[in-house]
């Protein structure tokens, strides 16, 4: 993917300063998107811009200035096929991290319940990595892929489903807490009875993974004939007042179709066919009005890697600022 040199310059967009390094992060993420897009084409499945990425495509024709990641989604059947088959189709160096990986180090790279495609640092030593990703120096750049699972038509079943998913994920995140309270075994027994399979493991990392996998399995069991809408049910929350709750807002499946291409920075991204309807559900009728928000994770996402990289440069007798180092690297490699 080719970017003009001007793309990487610090820029003010919508009154927000987008740093030079963030531009490199954006470019690196777009490289990962290109890999996913090719894999989807090979598998005959669709992906769609999701959440803030879809909003950015429609409102800004690219990244929301104060956003630092790129998210996509897939319909249930495509998502399950991608998880199963993508490892055979992804090019060398790209892997699915998190709960769908069998390697502990890749499980550790993503503690969230959804799939994530990343550049594997074991396949990309630093010079090769920086050459491939436009002088972006921070490892494991990637893209989250969120599943669109069916929402039960019955409101009580919605609450039951979401409550169980929440319960499993909370247990996964606080194993010691529930162990000290003497509740962990009871919780695991309950989940195993519901699933009809064993998920307990004496290794806490494996147990946490199994619990997150179990929450994904439970979410995926709802079938189309029992639903009118789809949504990323892994991130819904149990209503504070279940009595009188009228159901979660979701997306109609026919809003997605084969998708439509929208401008996105220097490329295009696939969006739902009825993307305005999706955006109204997600952000309200005034979605075209910019509202600065804080990311759910630390901004920028690579902040915790900066100190380690500076130390690496100093140990290599490189005393220039990181931006200067990357800019010079960028120019030495043709400015791409």
C-alpha atoms as a PDB file:
ATOM      1  CA  UNK A   1       0.000   0.000   0.000  1.00  0.00           C
ATOM      2  CA  UNK A   2       1.416   3.366  -1.050  1.00  0.00           C
ATOM      3  CA  UNK A   3       1.107   6.536   1.032  1.00  0.00           C
ATOM      4  CA  UNK A   4       2.315   9.980   0.012  1.00  0.00           C
ATOM      5  CA  UNK A   5       4.991  11.456   2.275  1.00  0.00           C
ATOM      6  CA  UNK A   6       2.548  14.218   3.273  1.00  0.00           C
ATOM      7  CA  UNK A   7       0.232  11.653   4.853  1.00  0.00           C
ATOM      8  CA  UNK A   8       2.675  11.076   7.709  1.00  0.00           C
ATOM      9  CA  UNK A   9       3.005  14.717   8.720  1.00  0.00           C
ATOM     10  CA  UNK A  10       1.415  15.908  11.955  1.00  0.00           C
ATOM     11  CA  UNK A  11      -1.967  17.403  11.148  1.00  0.00           C
ATOM     12  CA  UNK A  12      -4.865  19.160  12.839  1.00  0.00           C
ATOM     13  CA  UNK A  13      -8.208  17.579  12.002  1.00  0.00           C
ATOM     14  CA  UNK A  14     -11.461  18.858  13.529  1.00  0.00           C
ATOM     15  CA  UNK A  15      -9.379  20.859  16.019  1.00  0.00           C
ATOM     16  CA  UNK A  16      -7.515  17.739  17.166  1.00  0.00           C
ATOM     17  CA  UNK A  17      -3.777  17.225  16.609  1.00  0.00           C
ATOM     18  CA  UNK A  18      -3.036  13.904  14.924  1.00  0.00           C
ATOM     19  CA  UNK A  19       0.613  13.137  15.665  1.00  0.00           C
ATOM     20  CA  UNK A  20       3.093  11.858  13.112  1.00  0.00           C
ATOM     21  CA  UNK A  21       3.375   8.540  14.954  1.00  0.00           C
ATOM     22  CA  UNK A  22      -0.394   8.130  14.939  1.00  0.00           C
ATOM     23  CA  UNK A  23      -0.347   8.530  11.168  1.00  0.00           C
ATOM     24  CA  UNK A  24       2.135   5.649  11.026  1.00  0.00           C
ATOM     25  CA  UNK A  25      -0.164   3.595  13.260  1.00  0.00           C
ATOM     26  CA  UNK A  26      -3.089   4.318  10.933  1.00  0.00           C
ATOM     27  CA  UNK A  27      -1.044   3.285   7.902  1.00  0.00           C
ATOM     28  CA  UNK A  28       0.054   0.074   9.641  1.00  0.00           C
ATOM     29  CA  UNK A  29      -3.552  -0.788  10.504  1.00  0.00           C
ATOM     30  CA  UNK A  30      -4.617  -0.210   6.918  1.00  0.00           C
ATOM     31  CA  UNK A  31      -1.934  -2.683   5.850  1.00  0.00           C
ATOM     32  CA  UNK A  32      -3.477  -5.279   8.170  1.00  0.00           C
ATOM     33  CA  UNK A  33      -6.927  -4.451   6.779  1.00  0.00           C
ATOM     34  CA  UNK A  34      -5.665  -5.128   3.264  1.00  0.00           C
ATOM     35  CA  UNK A  35      -4.469  -8.561   4.400  1.00  0.00           C
ATOM     36  CA  UNK A  36      -7.853  -9.342   6.019  1.00  0.00           C
ATOM     37  CA  UNK A  37      -9.713  -8.100   2.957  1.00  0.00           C
ATOM     38  CA  UNK A  38      -7.710 -10.437   0.694  1.00  0.00           C
ATOM     39  CA  UNK A  39      -8.336 -13.359   3.064  1.00  0.00           C
ATOM     40  CA  UNK A  40     -12.083 -12.624   3.091  1.00  0.00           C
ATOM     41  CA  UNK A  41     -12.109 -12.564  -0.709  1.00  0.00           C
ATOM     42  CA  UNK A  42     -10.306 -15.915  -0.804  1.00  0.00           C
ATOM     43  CA  UNK A  43     -12.862 -17.380   1.609  1.00  0.00           C
ATOM     44  CA  UNK A  44     -15.848 -15.824  -0.158  1.00  0.00           C
ATOM     45  CA  UNK A  45     -17.056 -13.924   2.914  1.00  0.00           C
ATOM     46  CA  UNK A  46     -17.805 -10.308   3.787  1.00  0.00           C
ATOM     47  CA  UNK A  47     -16.486  -7.929   6.407  1.00  0.00           C
ATOM     48  CA  UNK A  48     -17.806  -4.459   7.301  1.00  0.00           C
ATOM     49  CA  UNK A  49     -16.416  -1.340   8.958  1.00  0.00           C
ATOM     50  CA  UNK A  50     -17.708  -1.289  12.523  1.00  0.00           C
ATOM     51  CA  UNK A  51     -18.339   1.233  15.298  1.00  0.00           C
ATOM     52  CA  UNK A  52     -16.085   4.263  15.208  1.00  0.00           C
ATOM     53  CA  UNK A  53     -14.429   3.008  12.022  1.00  0.00           C
ATOM     54  CA  UNK A  54     -17.763   3.034  10.171  1.00  0.00           C
ATOM     55  CA  UNK A  55     -18.569   6.454  11.636  1.00  0.00           C
ATOM     56  CA  UNK A  56     -15.167   7.719  10.517  1.00  0.00           C
ATOM     57  CA  UNK A  57     -15.682   6.387   6.998  1.00  0.00           C
ATOM     58  CA  UNK A  58     -19.010   8.179   6.647  1.00  0.00           C
ATOM     59  CA  UNK A  59     -18.247  11.396   8.541  1.00  0.00           C
ATOM     60  CA  UNK A  60     -14.507  11.911   7.911  1.00  0.00           C
ATOM     61  CA  UNK A  61     -13.758   9.655   4.929  1.00  0.00           C
ATOM     62  CA  UNK A  62     -11.140   8.025   7.140  1.00  0.00           C
ATOM     63  CA  UNK A  63     -10.175   7.697  10.786  1.00  0.00           C
ATOM     64  CA  UNK A  64     -11.990   9.799  13.376  1.00  0.00           C
ATOM     65  CA  UNK A  65      -9.158  12.212  14.287  1.00  0.00           C
ATOM     66  CA  UNK A  66      -9.113  11.252  17.985  1.00  0.00           C
ATOM     67  CA  UNK A  67      -9.470   7.517  17.352  1.00  0.00           C
ATOM     68  CA  UNK A  68      -6.455   5.209  17.148  1.00  0.00           C
ATOM     69  CA  UNK A  69      -7.795   1.854  16.053  1.00  0.00           C
ATOM     70  CA  UNK A  70      -9.625   0.226  13.178  1.00  0.00           C
ATOM     71  CA  UNK A  71     -12.483  -2.191  13.877  1.00  0.00           C
ATOM     72  CA  UNK A  72     -14.469  -4.433  11.578  1.00  0.00           C
ATOM     73  CA  UNK A  73     -17.314  -6.918  12.029  1.00  0.00           C
ATOM     74  CA  UNK A  74     -18.615 -10.049  10.350  1.00  0.00           C
ATOM     75  CA  UNK A  75     -21.947 -11.839  10.331  1.00  0.00           C
ATOM     76  CA  UNK A  76     -22.078 -14.991  12.443  1.00  0.00           C
ATOM     77  CA  UNK A  77     -21.558 -17.541   9.687  1.00  0.00           C
ATOM     78  CA  UNK A  78     -18.711 -15.567   8.090  1.00  0.00           C
ATOM     79  CA  UNK A  79     -17.055 -14.948  11.454  1.00  0.00           C
ATOM     80  CA  UNK A  80     -17.061 -18.649  12.354  1.00  0.00           C
ATOM     81  CA  UNK A  81     -15.670 -19.553   8.924  1.00  0.00           C
ATOM     82  CA  UNK A  82     -12.971 -16.878   9.188  1.00  0.00           C
ATOM     83  CA  UNK A  83     -11.814 -18.177  12.575  1.00  0.00           C
ATOM     84  CA  UNK A  84     -11.720 -21.742  11.272  1.00  0.00           C
ATOM     85  CA  UNK A  85     -10.118 -21.191   7.871  1.00  0.00           C
ATOM     86  CA  UNK A  86      -8.204 -17.890   7.997  1.00  0.00           C
ATOM     87  CA  UNK A  87      -5.013 -19.420   9.509  1.00  0.00           C
ATOM     88  CA  UNK A  88      -4.642 -21.379   6.263  1.00  0.00           C
ATOM     89  CA  UNK A  89      -5.096 -18.265   4.107  1.00  0.00           C
ATOM     90  CA  UNK A  90      -3.422 -15.450   6.029  1.00  0.00           C
ATOM     91  CA  UNK A  91       0.020 -14.642   4.588  1.00  0.00           C
ATOM     92  CA  UNK A  92       3.135 -15.486   6.546  1.00  0.00           C
ATOM     93  CA  UNK A  93       3.542 -13.277   9.588  1.00  0.00           C
ATOM     94  CA  UNK A  94      -0.154 -12.622  10.217  1.00  0.00           C
ATOM     95  CA  UNK A  95      -2.059 -14.588  12.860  1.00  0.00           C
ATOM     96  CA  UNK A  96      -5.279 -14.629  14.869  1.00  0.00           C
ATOM     97  CA  UNK A  97      -4.494 -13.761  18.478  1.00  0.00           C
ATOM     98  CA  UNK A  98      -6.490 -14.284  21.651  1.00  0.00           C
ATOM     99  CA  UNK A  99      -8.901 -17.026  22.614  1.00  0.00           C
ATOM    100  CA  UNK A 100      -8.897 -18.619  19.168  1.00  0.00           C
ATOM    101  CA  UNK A 101      -5.154 -19.287  19.259  1.00  0.00           C
ATOM    102  CA  UNK A 102      -3.526 -22.373  20.773  1.00  0.00           C
ATOM    103  CA  UNK A 103      -0.280 -20.521  21.551  1.00  0.00           C
ATOM    104  CA  UNK A 104      -0.033 -18.969  25.056  1.00  0.00           C
ATOM    105  CA  UNK A 105       1.937 -15.930  23.833  1.00  0.00           C
ATOM    106  CA  UNK A 106      -0.759 -15.172  21.226  1.00  0.00           C
ATOM    107  CA  UNK A 107      -3.504 -15.724  23.781  1.00  0.00           C
ATOM    108  CA  UNK A 108      -1.712 -13.212  25.994  1.00  0.00           C
ATOM    109  CA  UNK A 109      -1.646 -10.693  23.129  1.00  0.00           C
ATOM    110  CA  UNK A 110      -5.432 -10.283  23.236  1.00  0.00           C
ATOM    111  CA  UNK A 111      -7.528 -10.742  26.373  1.00  0.00           C
ATOM    112  CA  UNK A 112     -10.793  -9.656  24.746  1.00  0.00           C
ATOM    113  CA  UNK A 113     -13.539 -12.089  23.729  1.00  0.00           C
ATOM    114  CA  UNK A 114     -13.376 -11.292  20.007  1.00  0.00           C
ATOM    115  CA  UNK A 115     -10.874 -12.312  17.330  1.00  0.00           C
ATOM    116  CA  UNK A 116      -7.952 -10.047  16.429  1.00  0.00           C
ATOM    117  CA  UNK A 117      -5.567 -10.338  13.477  1.00  0.00           C
ATOM    118  CA  UNK A 118      -2.063  -9.102  14.290  1.00  0.00           C
ATOM    119  CA  UNK A 119       1.404  -8.998  12.796  1.00  0.00           C
ATOM    120  CA  UNK A 120       3.338 -11.702  14.657  1.00  0.00           C
ATOM    121  CA  UNK A 121       6.587 -10.263  16.034  1.00  0.00           C
ATOM    122  CA  UNK A 122       8.322 -13.649  15.778  1.00  0.00           C
ATOM    123  CA  UNK A 123       7.933 -13.417  11.998  1.00  0.00           C
ATOM    124  CA  UNK A 124       8.769  -9.709  11.801  1.00  0.00           C
ATOM    125  CA  UNK A 125      12.104  -8.728  13.334  1.00  0.00           C
ATOM    126  CA  UNK A 126      12.200  -4.965  13.873  1.00  0.00           C
ATOM    127  CA  UNK A 127      13.831  -3.863  10.569  1.00  0.00           C
ATOM    128  CA  UNK A 128      11.470  -6.069   8.535  1.00  0.00           C
ATOM    129  CA  UNK A 129       8.525  -4.876  10.625  1.00  0.00           C
ATOM    130  CA  UNK A 130       9.328  -1.201  10.128  1.00  0.00           C
ATOM    131  CA  UNK A 131       9.848  -1.718   6.410  1.00  0.00           C
ATOM    132  CA  UNK A 132       6.491  -3.478   6.118  1.00  0.00           C
ATOM    133  CA  UNK A 133       4.517  -1.031   8.271  1.00  0.00           C
ATOM    134  CA  UNK A 134       5.678   2.415   7.169  1.00  0.00           C
ATOM    135  CA  UNK A 135       8.306   2.861   9.903  1.00  0.00           C
ATOM    136  CA  UNK A 136       5.802   2.186  12.680  1.00  0.00           C
ATOM    137  CA  UNK A 137       8.028   0.651  15.392  1.00  0.00           C
ATOM    138  CA  UNK A 138       5.524  -0.791  17.880  1.00  0.00           C
ATOM    139  CA  UNK A 139       4.871  -4.511  17.577  1.00  0.00           C
ATOM    140  CA  UNK A 140       1.640  -6.484  17.220  1.00  0.00           C
ATOM    141  CA  UNK A 141      -0.276  -3.943  15.178  1.00  0.00           C
ATOM    142  CA  UNK A 142      -3.666  -5.438  14.431  1.00  0.00           C
ATOM    143  CA  UNK A 143      -7.397  -5.159  13.891  1.00  0.00           C
ATOM    144  CA  UNK A 144     -10.262  -6.406  16.067  1.00  0.00           C
ATOM    145  CA  UNK A 145     -12.979  -8.432  14.348  1.00  0.00           C
ATOM    146  CA  UNK A 146     -16.329  -8.343  16.139  1.00  0.00           C
ATOM    147  CA  UNK A 147     -19.004 -10.998  15.571  1.00  0.00           C
ATOM    148  CA  UNK A 148     -22.585 -10.082  14.760  1.00  0.00           C
ATOM    149  CA  UNK A 149     -24.567 -12.785  16.536  1.00  0.00           C
ATOM    150  CA  UNK A 150     -28.332 -13.214  16.498  1.00  0.00           C
ATOM    151  CA  UNK A 151     -30.368 -11.560  19.254  1.00  0.00           C
ATOM    152  CA  UNK A 152     -33.191 -13.744  20.575  1.00  0.00           C
ATOM    153  CA  UNK A 153     -36.600 -12.391  19.632  1.00  0.00           C
ATOM    154  CA  UNK A 154     -37.931 -13.019  23.151  1.00  0.00           C
ATOM    155  CA  UNK A 155     -36.856 -10.232  25.553  1.00  0.00           C
ATOM    156  CA  UNK A 156     -36.565 -12.555  28.553  1.00  0.00           C
ATOM    157  CA  UNK A 157     -34.248 -14.807  26.541  1.00  0.00           C
ATOM    158  CA  UNK A 158     -32.192 -11.746  25.590  1.00  0.00           C
ATOM    159  CA  UNK A 159     -31.697 -10.870  29.252  1.00  0.00           C
ATOM    160  CA  UNK A 160     -30.906 -14.484  30.134  1.00  0.00           C
ATOM    161  CA  UNK A 161     -28.336 -14.734  27.334  1.00  0.00           C
ATOM    162  CA  UNK A 162     -26.607 -11.430  28.085  1.00  0.00           C
ATOM    163  CA  UNK A 163     -26.559 -12.106  31.831  1.00  0.00           C
ATOM    164  CA  UNK A 164     -24.838 -15.452  31.287  1.00  0.00           C
ATOM    165  CA  UNK A 165     -22.278 -13.976  28.854  1.00  0.00           C
ATOM    166  CA  UNK A 166     -21.502 -11.146  31.321  1.00  0.00           C
ATOM    167  CA  UNK A 167     -21.206 -13.652  34.157  1.00  0.00           C
ATOM    168  CA  UNK A 168     -18.692 -15.814  32.277  1.00  0.00           C
ATOM    169  CA  UNK A 169     -16.563 -12.863  31.228  1.00  0.00           C
ATOM    170  CA  UNK A 170     -16.498 -11.363  34.732  1.00  0.00           C
ATOM    171  CA  UNK A 171     -15.490 -14.745  36.137  1.00  0.00           C
ATOM    172  CA  UNK A 172     -12.676 -14.973  33.553  1.00  0.00           C
ATOM    173  CA  UNK A 173     -11.347 -11.583  34.608  1.00  0.00           C
ATOM    174  CA  UNK A 174     -11.520 -12.147  38.377  1.00  0.00           C
ATOM    175  CA  UNK A 175     -10.659 -15.784  39.009  1.00  0.00           C
ATOM    176  CA  UNK A 176      -8.767 -15.085  42.254  1.00  0.00           C
ATOM    177  CA  UNK A 177     -11.602 -12.937  43.587  1.00  0.00           C
ATOM    178  CA  UNK A 178     -14.173 -15.700  43.177  1.00  0.00           C
ATOM    179  CA  UNK A 179     -11.709 -18.353  44.358  1.00  0.00           C
ATOM    180  CA  UNK A 180     -11.112 -16.451  47.609  1.00  0.00           C
ATOM    181  CA  UNK A 181     -14.853 -16.082  48.097  1.00  0.00           C
ATOM    182  CA  UNK A 182     -15.260 -19.841  47.602  1.00  0.00           C
ATOM    183  CA  UNK A 183     -17.525 -19.284  44.582  1.00  0.00           C
ATOM    184  CA  UNK A 184     -15.310 -20.284  41.665  1.00  0.00           C
ATOM    185  CA  UNK A 185     -16.056 -24.022  41.649  1.00  0.00           C
ATOM    186  CA  UNK A 186     -19.801 -23.390  41.856  1.00  0.00           C
ATOM    187  CA  UNK A 187     -19.613 -20.977  38.918  1.00  0.00           C
ATOM    188  CA  UNK A 188     -17.562 -23.366  36.784  1.00  0.00           C
ATOM    189  CA  UNK A 189     -19.933 -26.250  37.573  1.00  0.00           C
ATOM    190  CA  UNK A 190     -22.900 -24.129  36.467  1.00  0.00           C
ATOM    191  CA  UNK A 191     -21.256 -23.201  33.164  1.00  0.00           C
ATOM    192  CA  UNK A 192     -20.213 -26.785  32.447  1.00  0.00           C
ATOM    193  CA  UNK A 193     -23.786 -28.010  32.977  1.00  0.00           C
ATOM    194  CA  UNK A 194     -25.122 -25.362  30.593  1.00  0.00           C
ATOM    195  CA  UNK A 195     -22.495 -26.111  27.943  1.00  0.00           C
ATOM    196  CA  UNK A 196     -22.466 -29.857  28.434  1.00  0.00           C
ATOM    197  CA  UNK A 197     -18.678 -29.882  28.344  1.00  0.00           C
ATOM    198  CA  UNK A 198     -15.688 -29.459  30.636  1.00  0.00           C
ATOM    199  CA  UNK A 199     -14.041 -26.045  30.788  1.00  0.00           C
ATOM    200  CA  UNK A 200     -12.160 -26.239  34.103  1.00  0.00           C
ATOM    201  CA  UNK A 201      -8.368 -26.183  33.984  1.00  0.00           C
ATOM    202  CA  UNK A 202      -5.877 -25.908  36.849  1.00  0.00           C
ATOM    203  CA  UNK A 203      -3.938 -23.317  34.848  1.00  0.00           C
ATOM    204  CA  UNK A 204      -5.654 -19.951  35.351  1.00  0.00           C
ATOM    205  CA  UNK A 205      -4.630 -18.616  31.942  1.00  0.00           C
ATOM    206  CA  UNK A 206      -6.202 -21.616  30.235  1.00  0.00           C
ATOM    207  CA  UNK A 207      -9.289 -21.405  32.449  1.00  0.00           C
ATOM    208  CA  UNK A 208      -9.771 -17.726  31.624  1.00  0.00           C
ATOM    209  CA  UNK A 209      -9.414 -18.524  27.923  1.00  0.00           C
ATOM    210  CA  UNK A 210     -11.952 -21.354  28.225  1.00  0.00           C
ATOM    211  CA  UNK A 211     -14.427 -19.068  29.952  1.00  0.00           C
ATOM    212  CA  UNK A 212     -14.144 -16.429  27.225  1.00  0.00           C
ATOM    213  CA  UNK A 213     -14.506 -19.132  24.584  1.00  0.00           C
ATOM    214  CA  UNK A 214     -17.561 -20.391  26.438  1.00  0.00           C
ATOM    215  CA  UNK A 215     -19.142 -16.915  26.383  1.00  0.00           C
ATOM    216  CA  UNK A 216     -18.545 -16.767  22.628  1.00  0.00           C
ATOM    217  CA  UNK A 217     -20.030 -20.245  22.170  1.00  0.00           C
ATOM    218  CA  UNK A 218     -23.141 -19.303  24.146  1.00  0.00           C
ATOM    219  CA  UNK A 219     -23.580 -16.107  22.096  1.00  0.00           C
ATOM    220  CA  UNK A 220     -23.234 -18.036  18.825  1.00  0.00           C
ATOM    221  CA  UNK A 221     -25.901 -20.642  19.654  1.00  0.00           C
ATOM    222  CA  UNK A 222     -28.844 -18.366  18.835  1.00  0.00           C
ATOM    223  CA  UNK A 223     -30.159 -19.218  15.359  1.00  0.00           C
ATOM    224  CA  UNK A 224     -31.654 -16.964  12.688  1.00  0.00           C
ATOM    225  CA  UNK A 225     -35.173 -18.399  13.037  1.00  0.00           C
ATOM    226  CA  UNK A 226     -35.284 -17.183  16.652  1.00  0.00           C
ATOM    227  CA  UNK A 227     -34.164 -13.626  15.875  1.00  0.00           C
ATOM    228  CA  UNK A 228     -35.039 -10.448  13.999  1.00  0.00           C
ATOM    229  CA  UNK A 229     -31.784  -8.620  14.684  1.00  0.00           C
ATOM    230  CA  UNK A 230     -28.055  -9.175  15.001  1.00  0.00           C
ATOM    231  CA  UNK A 231     -25.619  -7.428  17.311  1.00  0.00           C
ATOM    232  CA  UNK A 232     -22.253  -7.844  18.996  1.00  0.00           C
ATOM    233  CA  UNK A 233     -23.841  -9.564  21.976  1.00  0.00           C
ATOM    234  CA  UNK A 234     -20.439 -10.169  23.619  1.00  0.00           C
ATOM    235  CA  UNK A 235     -20.432  -6.529  24.751  1.00  0.00           C
ATOM    236  CA  UNK A 236     -24.046  -6.023  25.789  1.00  0.00           C
ATOM    237  CA  UNK A 237     -24.787  -5.466  29.463  1.00  0.00           C
ATOM    238  CA  UNK A 238     -27.662  -6.755  31.588  1.00  0.00           C
ATOM    239  CA  UNK A 239     -30.280  -3.974  31.982  1.00  0.00           C
ATOM    240  CA  UNK A 240     -30.303  -2.284  35.363  1.00  0.00           C
ATOM    241  CA  UNK A 241     -34.087  -2.579  35.474  1.00  0.00           C
ATOM    242  CA  UNK A 242     -35.038  -5.865  33.751  1.00  0.00           C
ATOM    243  CA  UNK A 243     -38.703  -5.327  34.580  1.00  0.00           C
ATOM    244  CA  UNK A 244     -40.209  -3.316  31.753  1.00  0.00           C
ATOM    245  CA  UNK A 245     -37.116  -3.733  29.553  1.00  0.00           C
ATOM    246  CA  UNK A 246     -38.254  -3.717  25.916  1.00  0.00           C
ATOM    247  CA  UNK A 247     -35.217  -5.360  24.349  1.00  0.00           C
ATOM    248  CA  UNK A 248     -31.849  -4.406  22.945  1.00  0.00           C
ATOM    249  CA  UNK A 249     -31.540  -2.362  19.791  1.00  0.00           C
ATOM    250  CA  UNK A 250     -29.954  -4.381  17.033  1.00  0.00           C
ATOM    251  CA  UNK A 251     -29.258  -4.359  13.320  1.00  0.00           C
ATOM    252  CA  UNK A 252     -31.420  -5.979  10.674  1.00  0.00           C
ATOM    253  CA  UNK A 253     -29.391  -8.558   8.813  1.00  0.00           C
ATOM    254  CA  UNK A 254     -30.484  -7.231   5.412  1.00  0.00           C
ATOM    255  CA  UNK A 255     -28.866  -3.893   6.271  1.00  0.00           C
ATOM    256  CA  UNK A 256     -25.490  -5.502   5.569  1.00  0.00           C
ATOM    257  CA  UNK A 257     -25.865  -7.449   2.319  1.00  0.00           C
ATOM    258  CA  UNK A 258     -22.743  -7.635   0.189  1.00  0.00           C
ATOM    259  CA  UNK A 259     -21.723  -4.199   1.457  1.00  0.00           C
ATOM    260  CA  UNK A 260     -20.708  -0.987  -0.241  1.00  0.00           C
ATOM    261  CA  UNK A 261     -17.261   0.582  -0.629  1.00  0.00           C
ATOM    262  CA  UNK A 262     -16.601   3.937   1.063  1.00  0.00           C
ATOM    263  CA  UNK A 263     -13.562   6.206   0.859  1.00  0.00           C
ATOM    264  CA  UNK A 264     -11.178   5.695   3.767  1.00  0.00           C
ATOM    265  CA  UNK A 265      -7.976   7.749   3.896  1.00  0.00           C
ATOM    266  CA  UNK A 266      -6.081   6.734   0.738  1.00  0.00           C
ATOM    267  CA  UNK A 267      -8.067   3.550   0.142  1.00  0.00           C
ATOM    268  CA  UNK A 268     -11.596   2.158   0.471  1.00  0.00           C
ATOM    269  CA  UNK A 269     -13.334   0.146   3.159  1.00  0.00           C
ATOM    270  CA  UNK A 270     -16.396  -2.104   3.006  1.00  0.00           C
ATOM    271  CA  UNK A 271     -19.440  -0.761   4.867  1.00  0.00           C
ATOM    272  CA  UNK A 272     -22.933  -2.177   5.452  1.00  0.00           C
ATOM    273  CA  UNK A 273     -25.295  -1.559   2.556  1.00  0.00           C
ATOM    274  CA  UNK A 274     -27.636   0.440   4.839  1.00  0.00           C
ATOM    275  CA  UNK A 275     -24.857   2.056   6.844  1.00  0.00           C
ATOM    276  CA  UNK A 276     -26.987   5.038   7.868  1.00  0.00           C
ATOM    277  CA  UNK A 277     -29.411   2.708   9.665  1.00  0.00           C
ATOM    278  CA  UNK A 278     -26.516   0.979  11.446  1.00  0.00           C
ATOM    279  CA  UNK A 279     -25.055   4.317  12.523  1.00  0.00           C
ATOM    280  CA  UNK A 280     -28.390   5.555  13.888  1.00  0.00           C
ATOM    281  CA  UNK A 281     -28.664   2.464  16.095  1.00  0.00           C
ATOM    282  CA  UNK A 282     -25.080   2.857  17.294  1.00  0.00           C
ATOM    283  CA  UNK A 283     -24.721   6.635  17.640  1.00  0.00           C
ATOM    284  CA  UNK A 284     -28.179   8.218  17.336  1.00  0.00           C
ATOM    285  CA  UNK A 285     -29.719  10.441  14.668  1.00  0.00           C
ATOM    286  CA  UNK A 286     -27.059  13.153  15.065  1.00  0.00           C
ATOM    287  CA  UNK A 287     -24.140  10.835  14.219  1.00  0.00           C
ATOM    288  CA  UNK A 288     -22.801  13.336  11.672  1.00  0.00           C
ATOM    289  CA  UNK A 289     -22.103  15.879  14.438  1.00  0.00           C
ATOM    290  CA  UNK A 290     -18.504  15.395  15.674  1.00  0.00           C
ATOM    291  CA  UNK A 291     -18.251  14.709  19.399  1.00  0.00           C
ATOM    292  CA  UNK A 292     -14.818  14.123  20.834  1.00  0.00           C
ATOM    293  CA  UNK A 293     -14.707  10.980  22.963  1.00  0.00           C
ATOM    294  CA  UNK A 294     -12.120   9.116  25.012  1.00  0.00           C
ATOM    295  CA  UNK A 295     -11.060   5.687  23.798  1.00  0.00           C
ATOM    296  CA  UNK A 296     -11.969   2.710  25.969  1.00  0.00           C
ATOM    297  CA  UNK A 297      -8.247   1.936  26.129  1.00  0.00           C
ATOM    298  CA  UNK A 298      -5.263   4.167  26.817  1.00  0.00           C
ATOM    299  CA  UNK A 299      -4.589   6.612  23.978  1.00  0.00           C
ATOM    300  CA  UNK A 300      -2.473   6.055  22.017  1.00  0.00           C
ATOM    301  CA  UNK A 301      -2.694   2.259  22.123  1.00  0.00           C
ATOM    302  CA  UNK A 302       1.086   1.977  21.739  1.00  0.00           C
ATOM    303  CA  UNK A 303       1.878   4.275  24.677  1.00  0.00           C
ATOM    304  CA  UNK A 304       3.095   1.468  26.936  1.00  0.00           C
ATOM    305  CA  UNK A 305       5.604   0.403  24.264  1.00  0.00           C
ATOM    306  CA  UNK A 306       7.218   3.826  23.854  1.00  0.00           C
ATOM    307  CA  UNK A 307       9.456   3.626  26.924  1.00  0.00           C
ATOM    308  CA  UNK A 308      10.723   0.155  25.982  1.00  0.00           C
ATOM    309  CA  UNK A 309      11.497   1.320  22.442  1.00  0.00           C
ATOM    310  CA  UNK A 310      13.390   4.389  23.668  1.00  0.00           C
ATOM    311  CA  UNK A 311      15.448   2.092  25.895  1.00  0.00           C
ATOM    312  CA  UNK A 312      16.158  -0.149  22.908  1.00  0.00           C
ATOM    313  CA  UNK A 313      17.363   2.832  20.881  1.00  0.00           C
ATOM    314  CA  UNK A 314      19.625   4.016  23.700  1.00  0.00           C
ATOM    315  CA  UNK A 315      21.110   0.551  24.070  1.00  0.00           C
ATOM    316  CA  UNK A 316      21.858   0.690  20.343  1.00  0.00           C
ATOM    317  CA  UNK A 317      23.574   4.095  20.790  1.00  0.00           C
ATOM    318  CA  UNK A 318      20.781   5.904  18.973  1.00  0.00           C
ATOM    319  CA  UNK A 319      20.057   9.145  20.818  1.00  0.00           C
ATOM    320  CA  UNK A 320      17.581  10.806  18.465  1.00  0.00           C
ATOM    321  CA  UNK A 321      13.886  11.160  19.388  1.00  0.00           C
ATOM    322  CA  UNK A 322      11.675   8.278  18.277  1.00  0.00           C
ATOM    323  CA  UNK A 323       9.818  10.409  15.708  1.00  0.00           C
ATOM    324  CA  UNK A 324      13.104  11.490  14.143  1.00  0.00           C
ATOM    325  CA  UNK A 325      14.351   7.904  14.061  1.00  0.00           C
ATOM    326  CA  UNK A 326      11.174   6.705  12.331  1.00  0.00           C
ATOM    327  CA  UNK A 327      11.090   9.661   9.962  1.00  0.00           C
ATOM    328  CA  UNK A 328      14.678   9.024   8.861  1.00  0.00           C
ATOM    329  CA  UNK A 329      13.947   5.318   8.495  1.00  0.00           C
ATOM    330  CA  UNK A 330      10.871   6.227   6.478  1.00  0.00           C
ATOM    331  CA  UNK A 331      12.862   8.469   4.138  1.00  0.00           C
ATOM    332  CA  UNK A 332      15.676   5.944   3.720  1.00  0.00           C
ATOM    333  CA  UNK A 333      13.094   3.426   2.546  1.00  0.00           C
ATOM    334  CA  UNK A 334      11.673   5.574  -0.198  1.00  0.00           C
ATOM    335  CA  UNK A 335       9.106   7.428   1.862  1.00  0.00           C
ATOM    336  CA  UNK A 336       6.530   4.633   1.669  1.00  0.00           C
END
